[in-house]
Amino acid sequence: MPHHLIRKLEQFTKLSASDKQALKNAASAQRRFGARTDIISEGDAPLHINLILEGWACRYKQLDDGRRQVISLFVPGDLCDEHVYSLREMDHSVAALSPVNVAEITRPMLGQIMEEHPRIRKALCWNALVTAAIQRELTVSLGQRTATERLGHLLCELFVRLRGIGLTQGNSYALPLTQGELVEVLGLSNVHTNRTVQELRRTGLIMLKGRYLQIPDFAALQAASLFSPNYLHLNYEGRDFDAGEPELS
């Protein structure tokens, strides 16, 4: 069930019962992918939109010599680009980072939802704008932020995103990323990434226990990382479109 997507979209506007049912119907076709496997590869023809129901995935580009840059992280509730049908072939790949359960939403199904449920259409437009804003922040991190700011900013962003869909426990959340995958996100060397993680641990800004991250003082990590959540646009900007009686048309 796409309950994480519903919670995510309701950070923009309150959906109606029929809106939620339409999303549930759209997510009926599901597939399971093992960790470190491609969901769709560069050069493939996109046949449907992938919605992450469980697990983590990423968007990446790989150079001819094997070097890989992760350019987006997907958590439950994320769509792997709702506009992918504009492409004849993929210009990037999407891979599972952990075991994932994916709903495959067909183009006709999405078109029907957008036509019959204008509130969902508006919420998906908001979602696409937030996705682009997240991409811009990653560009800023790669170009301007220090290693400590880069890592701290990423961890703050993930906390806020996961908290919005109910996947945090207090000030902790599951972080199923290996150090090698952090290297690919942050654009740092393996040694530099390890040193940066250890620095955040040494200063008490984060605690890592296995695959679980704890942030003892979010405000302190936020300040050290120059993190502001404004680009996530979580201040309920679509309240004017909230479901009510009668339904919006």
Protein backbone atom coordinates (compact mmCIF):
# COMPACT_ATOMS: atom_id res chain seq x y z
CA MET A 1 0.00 0.00 0.00
CA PRO A 2 1.33 3.47 -0.89
CA HIS A 3 0.74 4.89 2.58
CA HIS A 4 4.15 6.59 2.61
CA LEU A 5 3.33 8.39 -0.65
CA ILE A 6 -0.01 9.46 0.80
CA ARG A 7 1.67 10.83 3.93
CA LYS A 8 4.21 12.61 1.79
CA LEU A 9 1.63 14.27 -0.47
CA GLU A 10 -0.44 15.27 2.54
CA GLN A 11 2.45 17.45 3.66
CA PHE A 12 1.21 19.62 0.78
CA THR A 13 -2.58 19.16 0.86
CA LYS A 14 -5.14 16.92 2.55
CA LEU A 15 -6.31 14.16 0.21
CA SER A 16 -9.85 12.80 0.04
CA ALA A 17 -10.82 9.17 0.53
CA SER A 18 -11.26 8.78 -3.21
CA ASP A 19 -7.84 10.34 -3.84
CA LYS A 20 -6.23 7.83 -1.50
CA GLN A 21 -8.09 4.92 -3.04
CA ALA A 22 -6.95 5.95 -6.51
CA LEU A 23 -3.32 5.88 -5.34
CA LYS A 24 -3.85 2.49 -3.73
CA ASN A 25 -5.34 1.13 -6.95
CA ALA A 26 -2.42 2.52 -8.96
CA ALA A 27 0.08 0.71 -6.75
CA SER A 28 -1.42 -2.76 -7.20
CA ALA A 29 1.31 -4.07 -9.55
CA GLN A 30 4.42 -4.60 -7.43
CA ARG A 31 7.90 -6.06 -7.83
CA ARG A 32 10.68 -6.93 -5.40
CA PHE A 33 14.33 -6.12 -6.06
CA GLY A 34 17.35 -7.30 -4.13
CA ALA A 35 19.93 -4.91 -2.76
CA ARG A 36 22.55 -3.59 -5.23
CA THR A 37 20.47 -4.47 -8.30
CA ASP A 38 19.18 -2.13 -11.01
CA ILE A 39 15.48 -1.35 -11.06
CA ILE A 40 15.96 0.26 -14.47
CA SER A 41 19.22 0.83 -16.33
CA GLU A 42 20.53 3.62 -18.51
CA GLY A 43 19.46 2.97 -22.12
CA ASP A 44 16.29 1.08 -21.14
CA ALA A 45 12.91 2.26 -22.40
CA PRO A 46 10.82 3.46 -19.42
CA LEU A 47 7.59 1.48 -19.42
CA HIS A 48 6.17 2.64 -16.09
CA ILE A 49 6.82 4.88 -13.11
CA ASN A 50 8.47 3.24 -10.12
CA LEU A 51 7.12 4.11 -6.68
CA ILE A 52 9.27 3.02 -3.75
CA LEU A 53 7.02 1.27 -1.22
CA GLU A 54 9.70 -0.22 1.04
CA GLY A 55 13.47 0.11 1.17
CA TRP A 56 15.91 2.63 -0.27
CA ALA A 57 17.02 3.20 -3.85
CA CYS A 58 19.13 5.71 -5.76
CA ARG A 59 19.48 7.41 -9.11
CA TYR A 60 23.01 7.22 -10.48
CA LYS A 61 25.29 7.81 -13.45
CA GLN A 62 28.23 5.55 -14.18
CA LEU A 63 31.32 6.45 -16.18
CA ASP A 64 32.90 4.09 -18.70
CA ASP A 65 35.68 3.24 -16.24
CA GLY A 66 33.19 2.13 -13.59
CA ARG A 67 33.16 5.20 -11.37
CA ARG A 68 29.64 5.96 -10.14
CA GLN A 69 27.98 9.13 -8.86
CA VAL A 70 24.76 8.81 -6.89
CA ILE A 71 22.65 11.84 -7.78
CA SER A 72 19.45 11.12 -5.82
CA LEU A 73 18.39 9.00 -2.87
CA PHE A 74 14.89 7.50 -2.85
CA VAL A 75 13.09 6.51 0.35
CA PRO A 76 9.60 4.99 0.76
CA GLY A 77 6.97 7.21 -0.79
CA ASP A 78 9.28 8.54 -3.49
CA LEU A 79 8.46 8.33 -7.19
CA CYS A 80 11.45 7.67 -9.43
CA ASP A 81 10.44 10.57 -11.70
CA GLU A 82 6.77 10.92 -12.60
CA HIS A 83 7.75 12.54 -15.92
CA VAL A 84 9.93 9.69 -17.14
CA TYR A 85 7.55 8.96 -20.04
CA SER A 86 8.91 12.02 -21.81
CA LEU A 87 12.08 9.98 -22.47
CA ARG A 88 12.48 7.32 -25.14
CA GLU A 89 15.31 5.81 -23.17
CA MET A 90 16.76 6.31 -19.72
CA ASP A 91 19.75 8.67 -19.46
CA HIS A 92 20.53 7.38 -15.96
CA SER A 93 19.97 4.26 -13.87
CA VAL A 94 17.91 3.58 -10.75
CA ALA A 95 19.17 0.91 -8.36
CA ALA A 96 18.08 -0.66 -5.08
CA LEU A 97 20.38 0.15 -2.17
CA SER A 98 18.56 -2.25 0.15
CA PRO A 99 15.88 -4.82 -0.69
CA VAL A 100 13.02 -2.77 -2.09
CA ASN A 101 9.38 -3.26 -2.91
CA VAL A 102 8.35 -1.16 -5.91
CA ALA A 103 4.94 -0.36 -7.35
CA GLU A 104 4.92 -0.08 -11.13
CA ILE A 105 2.43 2.60 -12.21
CA THR A 106 1.50 2.54 -15.87
CA ARG A 107 1.21 5.64 -18.01
CA PRO A 108 -2.56 5.18 -18.64
CA MET A 109 -3.14 4.73 -14.90
CA LEU A 110 -1.21 7.89 -14.06
CA GLY A 111 -3.00 9.82 -16.78
CA GLN A 112 -6.38 8.73 -15.45
CA ILE A 113 -5.46 9.74 -11.90
CA MET A 114 -4.23 13.15 -13.04
CA GLU A 115 -7.45 13.75 -15.01
CA GLU A 116 -9.92 12.49 -12.41
CA HIS A 117 -8.15 13.71 -9.26
CA PRO A 118 -6.98 17.32 -9.68
CA ARG A 119 -5.86 17.44 -6.05
CA ILE A 120 -3.40 14.63 -6.69
CA ARG A 121 -2.23 16.40 -9.84
CA LYS A 122 -1.44 19.52 -7.82
CA ALA A 123 0.31 17.48 -5.11
CA LEU A 124 2.43 15.64 -7.68
CA CYS A 125 3.43 18.97 -9.21
CA TRP A 126 4.58 20.07 -5.74
CA ASN A 127 6.44 16.77 -5.37
CA ALA A 128 8.27 17.31 -8.67
CA LEU A 129 9.31 20.81 -7.59
CA VAL A 130 10.62 19.51 -4.26
CA THR A 131 12.55 16.77 -6.05
CA ALA A 132 14.22 19.40 -8.24
CA ALA A 133 15.00 21.50 -5.16
CA ILE A 134 16.67 18.51 -3.47
CA GLN A 135 18.77 18.04 -6.59
CA ARG A 136 19.84 21.69 -6.47
CA GLU A 137 20.91 21.34 -2.84
CA LEU A 138 23.05 18.34 -3.71
CA THR A 139 24.70 20.41 -6.45
CA VAL A 140 25.45 23.14 -3.92
CA SER A 141 26.90 20.55 -1.53
CA LEU A 142 29.19 19.09 -4.18
CA GLY A 143 30.35 22.52 -5.29
CA GLN A 144 30.57 24.60 -2.12
CA ARG A 145 30.01 22.79 1.18
CA THR A 146 32.90 21.40 3.19
CA ALA A 147 33.03 17.66 3.80
CA THR A 148 31.54 18.05 7.29
CA GLU A 149 28.79 20.34 6.03
CA ARG A 150 28.15 18.02 3.09
CA LEU A 151 27.62 14.93 5.24
CA GLY A 152 25.74 16.73 7.99
CA HIS A 153 23.43 18.40 5.48
CA LEU A 154 22.59 15.04 3.90
CA LEU A 155 21.86 13.45 7.28
CA CYS A 156 19.65 16.39 8.30
CA GLU A 157 17.73 16.25 5.03
CA LEU A 158 17.13 12.52 5.32
CA PHE A 159 15.90 12.94 8.90
CA VAL A 160 13.36 15.59 7.85
CA ARG A 161 12.19 13.59 4.84
CA LEU A 162 11.81 10.38 6.84
CA ARG A 163 10.13 12.12 9.77
CA GLY A 164 7.48 13.45 7.39
CA ILE A 165 6.44 9.93 6.41
CA GLY A 166 6.68 8.43 9.89
CA LEU A 167 9.96 6.54 9.50
CA THR A 168 11.92 8.07 12.37
CA GLN A 169 11.99 6.89 15.96
CA GLY A 170 12.52 9.96 18.10
CA ASN A 171 15.80 11.41 16.86
CA SER A 172 16.90 8.18 15.12
CA TYR A 173 16.35 6.52 11.77
CA ALA A 174 17.55 3.51 9.81
CA LEU A 175 20.40 4.42 7.45
CA PRO A 176 21.01 1.48 5.10
CA LEU A 177 23.94 3.09 3.29
CA THR A 178 27.41 1.60 3.17
CA GLN A 179 30.44 3.84 3.42
CA GLY A 180 31.06 3.20 -0.27
CA GLU A 181 27.59 4.49 -1.12
CA LEU A 182 28.17 7.58 1.03
CA VAL A 183 31.34 8.13 -1.01
CA GLU A 184 29.25 8.02 -4.20
CA VAL A 185 26.72 10.51 -2.84
CA LEU A 186 29.17 12.96 -1.26
CA GLY A 187 31.79 13.01 -4.00
CA LEU A 188 34.60 12.44 -1.49
CA SER A 189 37.32 9.82 -1.31
CA ASN A 190 36.80 6.75 0.83
CA VAL A 191 39.39 7.99 3.35
CA HIS A 192 37.90 11.49 3.50
CA THR A 193 34.38 10.13 3.96
CA ASN A 194 35.50 7.85 6.80
CA ARG A 195 37.35 10.72 8.46
CA THR A 196 34.28 12.97 8.17
CA VAL A 197 31.96 10.36 9.69
CA GLN A 198 34.38 9.87 12.56
CA GLU A 199 34.61 13.64 13.11
CA LEU A 200 30.83 13.95 13.45
CA ARG A 201 30.87 11.03 15.88
CA ARG A 202 33.77 12.44 17.89
CA THR A 203 32.04 15.79 18.35
CA GLY A 204 28.81 14.08 19.43
CA LEU A 205 26.77 15.37 16.52
CA ILE A 206 25.82 11.85 15.43
CA MET A 207 25.82 8.33 16.86
CA LEU A 208 25.97 5.28 14.60
CA LYS A 209 24.94 1.85 15.84
CA GLY A 210 25.00 -0.63 12.99
CA ARG A 211 22.64 0.74 10.35
CA TYR A 212 20.88 3.14 12.73
CA LEU A 213 21.74 6.83 12.99
CA GLN A 214 20.95 8.89 16.06
CA ILE A 215 21.14 12.67 16.09
CA PRO A 216 21.44 13.69 19.78
CA ASP A 217 20.90 17.41 19.08
CA PHE A 218 19.31 18.13 15.72
CA ALA A 219 19.67 21.90 16.12
CA ALA A 220 23.42 21.50 16.69
CA LEU A 221 23.87 19.30 13.60
CA GLN A 222 21.70 21.68 11.61
CA ALA A 223 23.86 24.65 12.62
CA ALA A 224 27.13 22.80 11.91
CA SER A 225 25.84 21.77 8.46
CA LEU A 226 24.29 25.11 7.46
CA PHE A 227 21.05 23.21 6.92
CA SER A 228 17.71 24.92 6.37
CA PRO A 229 14.70 22.77 5.43
CA ASN A 230 13.05 25.58 3.44
CA TYR A 231 13.81 23.90 0.10
CA LEU A 232 11.68 20.91 1.13
CA HIS A 233 8.59 23.18 1.18
CA LEU A 234 6.94 21.39 4.09
CA ASN A 235 4.82 24.26 5.37
CA TYR A 236 1.55 22.86 4.01
CA GLU A 237 1.55 25.10 0.97
CA GLY A 238 -1.45 23.44 -0.68
CA ARG A 239 -3.90 23.97 2.19
CA ASP A 240 -6.23 25.82 -0.18
CA PHE A 241 -6.72 22.56 -2.10
CA ASP A 242 -7.60 20.46 0.97
CA ALA A 243 -10.27 17.82 0.51
CA GLY A 244 -13.62 18.78 1.97
CA GLU A 245 -17.29 18.41 1.35
CA PRO A 246 -18.19 18.63 -1.43
CA GLU A 247 -15.22 17.20 -3.31
CA LEU A 248 -13.13 19.57 -5.42
CA SER A 249 -13.74 19.24 -9.15
